[in-house]
ModelCIF file with pLDDT and N, C-alpha, C, O atoms, coordinates in Angstrom:
data_MODEL
#
_entry.id   MODEL 
#
_entity.id                         1 
_entity.type                       polymer 
_entity.pdbx_number_of_molecules   1 
#
_entity_poly.entity_id                      1 
_entity_poly.type                           'polypeptide(L)' 
_entity_poly.nstd_linkage                   no 
_entity_poly.nstd_monomer                   no 
_entity_poly.pdbx_seq_one_letter_code       FLGPNGAGKTTTLRCCSGLLRLDAGEIVIAGRALAREPLEAR 
_entity_poly.pdbx_seq_one_letter_code_can   FLGPNGAGKTTTLRCCSGLLRLDAGEIVIAGRALAREPLEAR 
_entity_poly.pdbx_strand_id                 A 
#
loop_
_entity_poly_seq.entity_id 
_entity_poly_seq.num 
_entity_poly_seq.mon_id 
_entity_poly_seq.hetero 
1 1  PHE n 
1 2  LEU n 
1 3  GLY n 
1 4  PRO n 
1 5  ASN n 
1 6  GLY n 
1 7  ALA n 
1 8  GLY n 
1 9  LYS n 
1 10 THR n 
1 11 THR n 
1 12 THR n 
1 13 LEU n 
1 14 ARG n 
1 15 CYS n 
1 16 CYS n 
1 17 SER n 
1 18 GLY n 
1 19 LEU n 
1 20 LEU n 
1 21 ARG n 
1 22 LEU n 
1 23 ASP n 
1 24 ALA n 
1 25 GLY n 
1 26 GLU n 
1 27 ILE n 
1 28 VAL n 
1 29 ILE n 
1 30 ALA n 
1 31 GLY n 
1 32 ARG n 
1 33 ALA n 
1 34 LEU n 
1 35 ALA n 
1 36 ARG n 
1 37 GLU n 
1 38 PRO n 
1 39 LEU n 
1 40 GLU n 
1 41 ALA n 
1 42 ARG n 
#
_struct_asym.id          A 
_struct_asym.entity_id   1 
#
loop_
_ma_qa_metric.id 
_ma_qa_metric.mode 
_ma_qa_metric.name 
_ma_qa_metric.software_group_id 
_ma_qa_metric.type 
1 global pLDDT . pLDDT 
2 local  pLDDT . pLDDT 
#
_ma_qa_metric_global.metric_id      1 
_ma_qa_metric_global.metric_value   93.64 
_ma_qa_metric_global.model_id       1 
_ma_qa_metric_global.ordinal_id     1 
#
loop_
_ma_qa_metric_local.label_asym_id 
_ma_qa_metric_local.label_comp_id 
_ma_qa_metric_local.label_seq_id 
_ma_qa_metric_local.metric_id 
_ma_qa_metric_local.metric_value 
_ma_qa_metric_local.model_id 
_ma_qa_metric_local.ordinal_id 
A PHE 1  2 95.00 1 1  
A LEU 2  2 94.00 1 2  
A GLY 3  2 92.00 1 3  
A PRO 4  2 92.00 1 4  
A ASN 5  2 90.00 1 5  
A GLY 6  2 90.00 1 6  
A ALA 7  2 92.00 1 7  
A GLY 8  2 93.00 1 8  
A LYS 9  2 94.00 1 9  
A THR 10 2 94.00 1 10 
A THR 11 2 94.00 1 11 
A THR 12 2 94.00 1 12 
A LEU 13 2 95.00 1 13 
A ARG 14 2 94.00 1 14 
A CYS 15 2 94.00 1 15 
A CYS 16 2 94.00 1 16 
A SER 17 2 93.00 1 17 
A GLY 18 2 92.00 1 18 
A LEU 19 2 92.00 1 19 
A LEU 20 2 93.00 1 20 
A ARG 21 2 90.00 1 21 
A LEU 22 2 89.00 1 22 
A ASP 23 2 89.00 1 23 
A ALA 24 2 92.00 1 24 
A GLY 25 2 94.00 1 25 
A GLU 26 2 96.00 1 26 
A ILE 27 2 96.00 1 27 
A VAL 28 2 97.00 1 28 
A ILE 29 2 96.00 1 29 
A ALA 30 2 95.00 1 30 
A GLY 31 2 95.00 1 31 
A ARG 32 2 95.00 1 32 
A ALA 33 2 96.00 1 33 
A LEU 34 2 95.00 1 34 
A ALA 35 2 94.00 1 35 
A ARG 36 2 95.00 1 36 
A GLU 37 2 95.00 1 37 
A PRO 38 2 94.00 1 38 
A LEU 39 2 94.00 1 39 
A GLU 40 2 95.00 1 40 
A ALA 41 2 96.00 1 41 
A ARG 42 2 94.00 1 42 
#
loop_
_atom_site.group_PDB 
_atom_site.id 
_atom_site.type_symbol 
_atom_site.label_atom_id 
_atom_site.label_alt_id 
_atom_site.label_comp_id 
_atom_site.label_asym_id 
_atom_site.label_entity_id 
_atom_site.label_seq_id 
_atom_site.pdbx_PDB_ins_code 
_atom_site.Cartn_x 
_atom_site.Cartn_y 
_atom_site.Cartn_z 
_atom_site.occupancy 
_atom_site.B_iso_or_equiv 
_atom_site.pdbx_formal_charge 
_atom_site.auth_seq_id 
_atom_site.auth_comp_id 
_atom_site.auth_asym_id 
_atom_site.auth_atom_id 
_atom_site.pdbx_PDB_model_num 
ATOM 1   N N  . PHE A 1 1  ? 71.828 1.363  -18.314 1.00 95.00 ? 1  PHE A N  1 
ATOM 2   C CA . PHE A 1 1  ? 70.422 1.062  -18.127 1.00 95.00 ? 1  PHE A CA 1 
ATOM 3   C C  . PHE A 1 1  ? 69.970 0.502  -19.149 1.00 95.00 ? 1  PHE A C  1 
ATOM 4   O O  . PHE A 1 1  ? 69.143 1.188  -19.749 1.00 95.00 ? 1  PHE A O  1 
ATOM 5   N N  . LEU A 1 2  ? 70.325 -1.078 -19.846 1.00 94.00 ? 2  LEU A N  1 
ATOM 6   C CA . LEU A 1 2  ? 69.908 -1.390 -21.332 1.00 94.00 ? 2  LEU A CA 1 
ATOM 7   C C  . LEU A 1 2  ? 69.120 -2.076 -21.107 1.00 94.00 ? 2  LEU A C  1 
ATOM 8   O O  . LEU A 1 2  ? 68.910 -2.229 -19.904 1.00 94.00 ? 2  LEU A O  1 
ATOM 9   N N  . GLY A 1 3  ? 68.497 -2.642 -21.796 1.00 92.00 ? 3  GLY A N  1 
ATOM 10  C CA . GLY A 1 3  ? 67.080 -4.100 -22.538 1.00 92.00 ? 3  GLY A CA 1 
ATOM 11  C C  . GLY A 1 3  ? 66.555 -3.617 -23.766 1.00 92.00 ? 3  GLY A C  1 
ATOM 12  O O  . GLY A 1 3  ? 66.404 -2.535 -24.335 1.00 92.00 ? 3  GLY A O  1 
ATOM 13  N N  . PRO A 1 4  ? 66.313 -4.933 -23.979 1.00 92.00 ? 4  PRO A N  1 
ATOM 14  C CA . PRO A 1 4  ? 65.251 -4.452 -25.452 1.00 92.00 ? 4  PRO A CA 1 
ATOM 15  C C  . PRO A 1 4  ? 64.093 -3.246 -25.342 1.00 92.00 ? 4  PRO A C  1 
ATOM 16  O O  . PRO A 1 4  ? 64.135 -2.250 -24.620 1.00 92.00 ? 4  PRO A O  1 
ATOM 17  N N  . ASN A 1 5  ? 63.320 -3.542 -26.039 1.00 90.00 ? 5  ASN A N  1 
ATOM 18  C CA . ASN A 1 5  ? 62.122 -2.786 -25.550 1.00 90.00 ? 5  ASN A CA 1 
ATOM 19  C C  . ASN A 1 5  ? 61.321 -3.839 -25.152 1.00 90.00 ? 5  ASN A C  1 
ATOM 20  O O  . ASN A 1 5  ? 61.090 -4.957 -25.610 1.00 90.00 ? 5  ASN A O  1 
ATOM 21  N N  . GLY A 1 6  ? 60.807 -2.966 -23.810 1.00 90.00 ? 6  GLY A N  1 
ATOM 22  C CA . GLY A 1 6  ? 59.714 -3.690 -23.383 1.00 90.00 ? 6  GLY A CA 1 
ATOM 23  C C  . GLY A 1 6  ? 60.059 -3.952 -22.025 1.00 90.00 ? 6  GLY A C  1 
ATOM 24  O O  . GLY A 1 6  ? 59.201 -3.885 -21.145 1.00 90.00 ? 6  GLY A O  1 
ATOM 25  N N  . ALA A 1 7  ? 61.680 -4.351 -21.695 1.00 92.00 ? 7  ALA A N  1 
ATOM 26  C CA . ALA A 1 7  ? 62.410 -4.676 -20.448 1.00 92.00 ? 7  ALA A CA 1 
ATOM 27  C C  . ALA A 1 7  ? 61.717 -4.241 -19.192 1.00 92.00 ? 7  ALA A C  1 
ATOM 28  O O  . ALA A 1 7  ? 61.817 -4.928 -18.176 1.00 92.00 ? 7  ALA A O  1 
ATOM 29  N N  . GLY A 1 8  ? 60.978 -3.067 -19.214 1.00 93.00 ? 8  GLY A N  1 
ATOM 30  C CA . GLY A 1 8  ? 60.987 -2.086 -18.494 1.00 93.00 ? 8  GLY A CA 1 
ATOM 31  C C  . GLY A 1 8  ? 61.815 -0.937 -17.987 1.00 93.00 ? 8  GLY A C  1 
ATOM 32  O O  . GLY A 1 8  ? 61.475 -0.429 -16.919 1.00 93.00 ? 8  GLY A O  1 
ATOM 33  N N  . LYS A 1 9  ? 62.924 -0.442 -18.665 1.00 94.00 ? 9  LYS A N  1 
ATOM 34  C CA . LYS A 1 9  ? 63.866 0.502  -18.211 1.00 94.00 ? 9  LYS A CA 1 
ATOM 35  C C  . LYS A 1 9  ? 62.913 1.894  -17.624 1.00 94.00 ? 9  LYS A C  1 
ATOM 36  O O  . LYS A 1 9  ? 63.052 2.521  -16.575 1.00 94.00 ? 9  LYS A O  1 
ATOM 37  N N  . THR A 1 10 ? 61.680 2.128  -19.004 1.00 94.00 ? 10 THR A N  1 
ATOM 38  C CA . THR A 1 10 ? 60.993 3.271  -19.045 1.00 94.00 ? 10 THR A CA 1 
ATOM 39  C C  . THR A 1 10 ? 60.339 3.173  -17.773 1.00 94.00 ? 10 THR A C  1 
ATOM 40  O O  . THR A 1 10 ? 60.546 4.016  -16.900 1.00 94.00 ? 10 THR A O  1 
ATOM 41  N N  . THR A 1 11 ? 59.625 2.278  -17.618 1.00 94.00 ? 11 THR A N  1 
ATOM 42  C CA . THR A 1 11 ? 58.813 1.902  -16.387 1.00 94.00 ? 11 THR A CA 1 
ATOM 43  C C  . THR A 1 11 ? 59.072 1.977  -14.886 1.00 94.00 ? 11 THR A C  1 
ATOM 44  O O  . THR A 1 11 ? 58.232 2.083  -13.993 1.00 94.00 ? 11 THR A O  1 
ATOM 45  N N  . THR A 1 12 ? 60.569 1.893  -14.768 1.00 94.00 ? 12 THR A N  1 
ATOM 46  C CA . THR A 1 12 ? 61.029 2.006  -13.489 1.00 94.00 ? 12 THR A CA 1 
ATOM 47  C C  . THR A 1 12 ? 62.062 3.689  -13.343 1.00 94.00 ? 12 THR A C  1 
ATOM 48  O O  . THR A 1 12 ? 62.327 4.329  -12.325 1.00 94.00 ? 12 THR A O  1 
ATOM 49  N N  . LEU A 1 13 ? 62.423 3.964  -14.760 1.00 95.00 ? 13 LEU A N  1 
ATOM 50  C CA . LEU A 1 13 ? 62.361 5.576  -14.525 1.00 95.00 ? 13 LEU A CA 1 
ATOM 51  C C  . LEU A 1 13 ? 61.009 6.077  -14.245 1.00 95.00 ? 13 LEU A C  1 
ATOM 52  O O  . LEU A 1 13 ? 61.101 6.038  -13.018 1.00 95.00 ? 13 LEU A O  1 
ATOM 53  N N  . ARG A 1 14 ? 60.311 6.337  -14.371 1.00 94.00 ? 14 ARG A N  1 
ATOM 54  C CA . ARG A 1 14 ? 58.579 6.722  -14.461 1.00 94.00 ? 14 ARG A CA 1 
ATOM 55  C C  . ARG A 1 14 ? 58.786 6.592  -12.732 1.00 94.00 ? 14 ARG A C  1 
ATOM 56  O O  . ARG A 1 14 ? 59.141 7.478  -11.955 1.00 94.00 ? 14 ARG A O  1 
ATOM 57  N N  . CYS A 1 15 ? 58.404 5.054  -12.416 1.00 94.00 ? 15 CYS A N  1 
ATOM 58  C CA . CYS A 1 15 ? 58.800 4.946  -10.658 1.00 94.00 ? 15 CYS A CA 1 
ATOM 59  C C  . CYS A 1 15 ? 60.026 6.000  -10.333 1.00 94.00 ? 15 CYS A C  1 
ATOM 60  O O  . CYS A 1 15 ? 59.410 7.049  -10.518 1.00 94.00 ? 15 CYS A O  1 
ATOM 61  N N  . CYS A 1 16 ? 60.798 6.234  -10.122 1.00 94.00 ? 16 CYS A N  1 
ATOM 62  C CA . CYS A 1 16 ? 62.017 6.447  -9.534  1.00 94.00 ? 16 CYS A CA 1 
ATOM 63  C C  . CYS A 1 16 ? 62.242 8.390  -9.991  1.00 94.00 ? 16 CYS A C  1 
ATOM 64  O O  . CYS A 1 16 ? 63.196 9.166  -10.012 1.00 94.00 ? 16 CYS A O  1 
ATOM 65  N N  . SER A 1 17 ? 61.335 8.444  -10.173 1.00 93.00 ? 17 SER A N  1 
ATOM 66  C CA . SER A 1 17 ? 61.195 9.848  -10.614 1.00 93.00 ? 17 SER A CA 1 
ATOM 67  C C  . SER A 1 17 ? 59.574 10.102 -10.077 1.00 93.00 ? 17 SER A C  1 
ATOM 68  O O  . SER A 1 17 ? 58.988 11.075 -10.552 1.00 93.00 ? 17 SER A O  1 
ATOM 69  N N  . GLY A 1 18 ? 58.967 9.362  -9.243  1.00 92.00 ? 18 GLY A N  1 
ATOM 70  C CA . GLY A 1 18 ? 57.782 9.803  -9.293  1.00 92.00 ? 18 GLY A CA 1 
ATOM 71  C C  . GLY A 1 18 ? 56.226 9.701  -9.743  1.00 92.00 ? 18 GLY A C  1 
ATOM 72  O O  . GLY A 1 18 ? 55.152 9.804  -9.151  1.00 92.00 ? 18 GLY A O  1 
ATOM 73  N N  . LEU A 1 19 ? 56.683 9.415  -11.252 1.00 92.00 ? 19 LEU A N  1 
ATOM 74  C CA . LEU A 1 19 ? 56.034 9.529  -12.055 1.00 92.00 ? 19 LEU A CA 1 
ATOM 75  C C  . LEU A 1 19 ? 54.605 8.152  -11.848 1.00 92.00 ? 19 LEU A C  1 
ATOM 76  O O  . LEU A 1 19 ? 53.415 8.178  -12.163 1.00 92.00 ? 19 LEU A O  1 
ATOM 77  N N  . LEU A 1 20 ? 55.229 7.379  -11.367 1.00 93.00 ? 20 LEU A N  1 
ATOM 78  C CA . LEU A 1 20 ? 54.132 6.048  -11.620 1.00 93.00 ? 20 LEU A CA 1 
ATOM 79  C C  . LEU A 1 20 ? 54.440 5.482  -9.779  1.00 93.00 ? 20 LEU A C  1 
ATOM 80  O O  . LEU A 1 20 ? 55.581 5.586  -9.329  1.00 93.00 ? 20 LEU A O  1 
ATOM 81  N N  . ARG A 1 21 ? 53.669 5.101  -9.185  1.00 90.00 ? 21 ARG A N  1 
ATOM 82  C CA . ARG A 1 21 ? 53.826 4.795  -7.990  1.00 90.00 ? 21 ARG A CA 1 
ATOM 83  C C  . ARG A 1 21 ? 53.998 3.376  -7.873  1.00 90.00 ? 21 ARG A C  1 
ATOM 84  O O  . ARG A 1 21 ? 53.560 2.531  -8.655  1.00 90.00 ? 21 ARG A O  1 
ATOM 85  N N  . LEU A 1 22 ? 54.867 3.127  -6.531  1.00 89.00 ? 22 LEU A N  1 
ATOM 86  C CA . LEU A 1 22 ? 55.242 1.518  -6.962  1.00 89.00 ? 22 LEU A CA 1 
ATOM 87  C C  . LEU A 1 22 ? 54.478 0.630  -6.145  1.00 89.00 ? 22 LEU A C  1 
ATOM 88  O O  . LEU A 1 22 ? 54.095 0.852  -4.997  1.00 89.00 ? 22 LEU A O  1 
ATOM 89  N N  . ASP A 1 23 ? 54.243 -0.648 -7.005  1.00 89.00 ? 23 ASP A N  1 
ATOM 90  C CA . ASP A 1 23 ? 53.824 -1.775 -5.742  1.00 89.00 ? 23 ASP A CA 1 
ATOM 91  C C  . ASP A 1 23 ? 54.426 -2.345 -4.748  1.00 89.00 ? 23 ASP A C  1 
ATOM 92  O O  . ASP A 1 23 ? 53.868 -2.838 -3.768  1.00 89.00 ? 23 ASP A O  1 
ATOM 93  N N  . ALA A 1 24 ? 55.682 -2.296 -4.978  1.00 92.00 ? 24 ALA A N  1 
ATOM 94  C CA . ALA A 1 24 ? 56.811 -2.984 -3.275  1.00 92.00 ? 24 ALA A CA 1 
ATOM 95  C C  . ALA A 1 24 ? 57.826 -2.486 -3.624  1.00 92.00 ? 24 ALA A C  1 
ATOM 96  O O  . ALA A 1 24 ? 58.011 -2.352 -4.833  1.00 92.00 ? 24 ALA A O  1 
ATOM 97  N N  . GLY A 1 25 ? 58.727 -2.085 -2.772  1.00 94.00 ? 25 GLY A N  1 
ATOM 98  C CA . GLY A 1 25 ? 59.987 -1.381 -2.657  1.00 94.00 ? 25 GLY A CA 1 
ATOM 99  C C  . GLY A 1 25 ? 60.190 -0.026 -2.169  1.00 94.00 ? 25 GLY A C  1 
ATOM 100 O O  . GLY A 1 25 ? 59.182 0.563  -1.778  1.00 94.00 ? 25 GLY A O  1 
ATOM 101 N N  . GLU A 1 26 ? 61.564 0.715  -2.110  1.00 96.00 ? 26 GLU A N  1 
ATOM 102 C CA . GLU A 1 26 ? 61.874 1.909  -1.811  1.00 96.00 ? 26 GLU A CA 1 
ATOM 103 C C  . GLU A 1 26 ? 62.795 2.693  -2.902  1.00 96.00 ? 26 GLU A C  1 
ATOM 104 O O  . GLU A 1 26 ? 63.545 1.981  -3.571  1.00 96.00 ? 26 GLU A O  1 
ATOM 105 N N  . ILE A 1 27 ? 62.801 3.598  -3.057  1.00 96.00 ? 27 ILE A N  1 
ATOM 106 C CA . ILE A 1 27 ? 63.915 4.508  -3.688  1.00 96.00 ? 27 ILE A CA 1 
ATOM 107 C C  . ILE A 1 27 ? 64.016 5.334  -3.122  1.00 96.00 ? 27 ILE A C  1 
ATOM 108 O O  . ILE A 1 27 ? 63.088 5.898  -2.543  1.00 96.00 ? 27 ILE A O  1 
ATOM 109 N N  . VAL A 1 28 ? 65.356 5.720  -3.109  1.00 97.00 ? 28 VAL A N  1 
ATOM 110 C CA . VAL A 1 28 ? 66.033 6.687  -2.664  1.00 97.00 ? 28 VAL A CA 1 
ATOM 111 C C  . VAL A 1 28 ? 66.914 7.418  -3.088  1.00 97.00 ? 28 VAL A C  1 
ATOM 112 O O  . VAL A 1 28 ? 67.932 6.822  -3.440  1.00 97.00 ? 28 VAL A O  1 
ATOM 113 N N  . ILE A 1 29 ? 66.916 8.989  -3.238  1.00 96.00 ? 29 ILE A N  1 
ATOM 114 C CA . ILE A 1 29 ? 67.284 9.990  -4.085  1.00 96.00 ? 29 ILE A CA 1 
ATOM 115 C C  . ILE A 1 29 ? 68.344 10.519 -2.879  1.00 96.00 ? 29 ILE A C  1 
ATOM 116 O O  . ILE A 1 29 ? 67.970 10.863 -1.757  1.00 96.00 ? 29 ILE A O  1 
ATOM 117 N N  . ALA A 1 30 ? 69.645 10.512 -3.311  1.00 95.00 ? 30 ALA A N  1 
ATOM 118 C CA . ALA A 1 30 ? 70.443 11.019 -2.468  1.00 95.00 ? 30 ALA A CA 1 
ATOM 119 C C  . ALA A 1 30 ? 70.280 11.135 -1.277  1.00 95.00 ? 30 ALA A C  1 
ATOM 120 O O  . ALA A 1 30 ? 70.292 12.277 -0.818  1.00 95.00 ? 30 ALA A O  1 
ATOM 121 N N  . GLY A 1 31 ? 70.062 9.933  -0.336  1.00 95.00 ? 31 GLY A N  1 
ATOM 122 C CA . GLY A 1 31 ? 69.621 9.753  1.268   1.00 95.00 ? 31 GLY A CA 1 
ATOM 123 C C  . GLY A 1 31 ? 68.129 10.388 1.345   1.00 95.00 ? 31 GLY A C  1 
ATOM 124 O O  . GLY A 1 31 ? 67.708 10.738 2.447   1.00 95.00 ? 31 GLY A O  1 
ATOM 125 N N  . ARG A 1 32 ? 67.638 10.481 0.635   1.00 95.00 ? 32 ARG A N  1 
ATOM 126 C CA . ARG A 1 32 ? 65.914 10.888 0.851   1.00 95.00 ? 32 ARG A CA 1 
ATOM 127 C C  . ARG A 1 32 ? 64.975 9.766  0.227   1.00 95.00 ? 32 ARG A C  1 
ATOM 128 O O  . ARG A 1 32 ? 64.757 9.708  -0.983  1.00 95.00 ? 32 ARG A O  1 
ATOM 129 N N  . ALA A 1 33 ? 64.546 9.057  0.967   1.00 96.00 ? 33 ALA A N  1 
ATOM 130 C CA . ALA A 1 33 ? 63.530 8.432  0.290   1.00 96.00 ? 33 ALA A CA 1 
ATOM 131 C C  . ALA A 1 33 ? 62.144 9.394  -0.453  1.00 96.00 ? 33 ALA A C  1 
ATOM 132 O O  . ALA A 1 33 ? 61.628 10.437 -0.051  1.00 96.00 ? 33 ALA A O  1 
ATOM 133 N N  . LEU A 1 34 ? 61.796 8.447  -1.819  1.00 95.00 ? 34 LEU A N  1 
ATOM 134 C CA . LEU A 1 34 ? 61.066 9.160  -2.444  1.00 95.00 ? 34 LEU A CA 1 
ATOM 135 C C  . LEU A 1 34 ? 59.436 8.960  -1.767  1.00 95.00 ? 34 LEU A C  1 
ATOM 136 O O  . LEU A 1 34 ? 58.604 9.849  -1.948  1.00 95.00 ? 34 LEU A O  1 
ATOM 137 N N  . ALA A 1 35 ? 59.203 8.103  -1.231  1.00 94.00 ? 35 ALA A N  1 
ATOM 138 C CA . ALA A 1 35 ? 57.780 7.788  -0.212  1.00 94.00 ? 35 ALA A CA 1 
ATOM 139 C C  . ALA A 1 35 ? 57.746 8.598  0.353   1.00 94.00 ? 35 ALA A C  1 
ATOM 140 O O  . ALA A 1 35 ? 56.914 9.453  0.051   1.00 94.00 ? 35 ALA A O  1 
ATOM 141 N N  . ARG A 1 36 ? 58.626 8.818  1.509   1.00 95.00 ? 36 ARG A N  1 
ATOM 142 C CA . ARG A 1 36 ? 58.264 9.782  2.974   1.00 95.00 ? 36 ARG A CA 1 
ATOM 143 C C  . ARG A 1 36 ? 58.965 11.202 2.503   1.00 95.00 ? 36 ARG A C  1 
ATOM 144 O O  . ARG A 1 36 ? 58.324 12.064 3.105   1.00 95.00 ? 36 ARG A O  1 
ATOM 145 N N  . GLU A 1 37 ? 59.870 11.776 1.795   1.00 95.00 ? 37 GLU A N  1 
ATOM 146 C CA . GLU A 1 37 ? 60.093 12.729 1.676   1.00 95.00 ? 37 GLU A CA 1 
ATOM 147 C C  . GLU A 1 37 ? 60.068 12.886 0.471   1.00 95.00 ? 37 GLU A C  1 
ATOM 148 O O  . GLU A 1 37 ? 61.170 12.967 -0.071  1.00 95.00 ? 37 GLU A O  1 
ATOM 149 N N  . PRO A 1 38 ? 58.976 12.976 -0.299  1.00 94.00 ? 38 PRO A N  1 
ATOM 150 C CA . PRO A 1 38 ? 59.331 13.327 -2.152  1.00 94.00 ? 38 PRO A CA 1 
ATOM 151 C C  . PRO A 1 38 ? 59.626 14.911 -2.409  1.00 94.00 ? 38 PRO A C  1 
ATOM 152 O O  . PRO A 1 38 ? 60.245 15.203 -3.432  1.00 94.00 ? 38 PRO A O  1 
ATOM 153 N N  . LEU A 1 39 ? 59.262 15.803 -1.640  1.00 94.00 ? 39 LEU A N  1 
ATOM 154 C CA . LEU A 1 39 ? 59.323 16.976 -2.972  1.00 94.00 ? 39 LEU A CA 1 
ATOM 155 C C  . LEU A 1 39 ? 61.670 16.991 -2.185  1.00 94.00 ? 39 LEU A C  1 
ATOM 156 O O  . LEU A 1 39 ? 62.545 17.410 -2.943  1.00 94.00 ? 39 LEU A O  1 
ATOM 157 N N  . GLU A 1 40 ? 61.886 16.674 -1.300  1.00 95.00 ? 40 GLU A N  1 
ATOM 158 C CA . GLU A 1 40 ? 63.267 16.419 -0.844  1.00 95.00 ? 40 GLU A CA 1 
ATOM 159 C C  . GLU A 1 40 ? 64.257 15.159 -1.880  1.00 95.00 ? 40 GLU A C  1 
ATOM 160 O O  . GLU A 1 40 ? 65.411 15.065 -2.299  1.00 95.00 ? 40 GLU A O  1 
ATOM 161 N N  . ALA A 1 41 ? 63.604 14.746 -1.911  1.00 96.00 ? 41 ALA A N  1 
ATOM 162 C CA . ALA A 1 41 ? 64.055 13.514 -3.003  1.00 96.00 ? 41 ALA A CA 1 
ATOM 163 C C  . ALA A 1 41 ? 64.279 13.954 -4.609  1.00 96.00 ? 41 ALA A C  1 
ATOM 164 O O  . ALA A 1 41 ? 65.211 13.655 -5.355  1.00 96.00 ? 41 ALA A O  1 
ATOM 165 N N  . ARG A 1 42 ? 63.190 14.702 -4.847  1.00 94.00 ? 42 ARG A N  1 
ATOM 166 C CA . ARG A 1 42 ? 62.574 15.046 -6.102  1.00 94.00 ? 42 ARG A CA 1 
ATOM 167 C C  . ARG A 1 42 ? 63.799 16.223 -6.504  1.00 94.00 ? 42 ARG A C  1 
ATOM 168 O O  . ARG A 1 42 ? 63.729 16.850 -7.561  1.00 94.00 ? 42 ARG A O  1 
#
């Protein structure tokens, strides 16, 4: 996952880990949707 400073990499990873709330879209980790099954996804 590459990009210059400020590209949005860390923000993306914080969203994927559940540390930041999404404005839109969906994150699925190994078949578990983070929004609907947060403990199972994490």
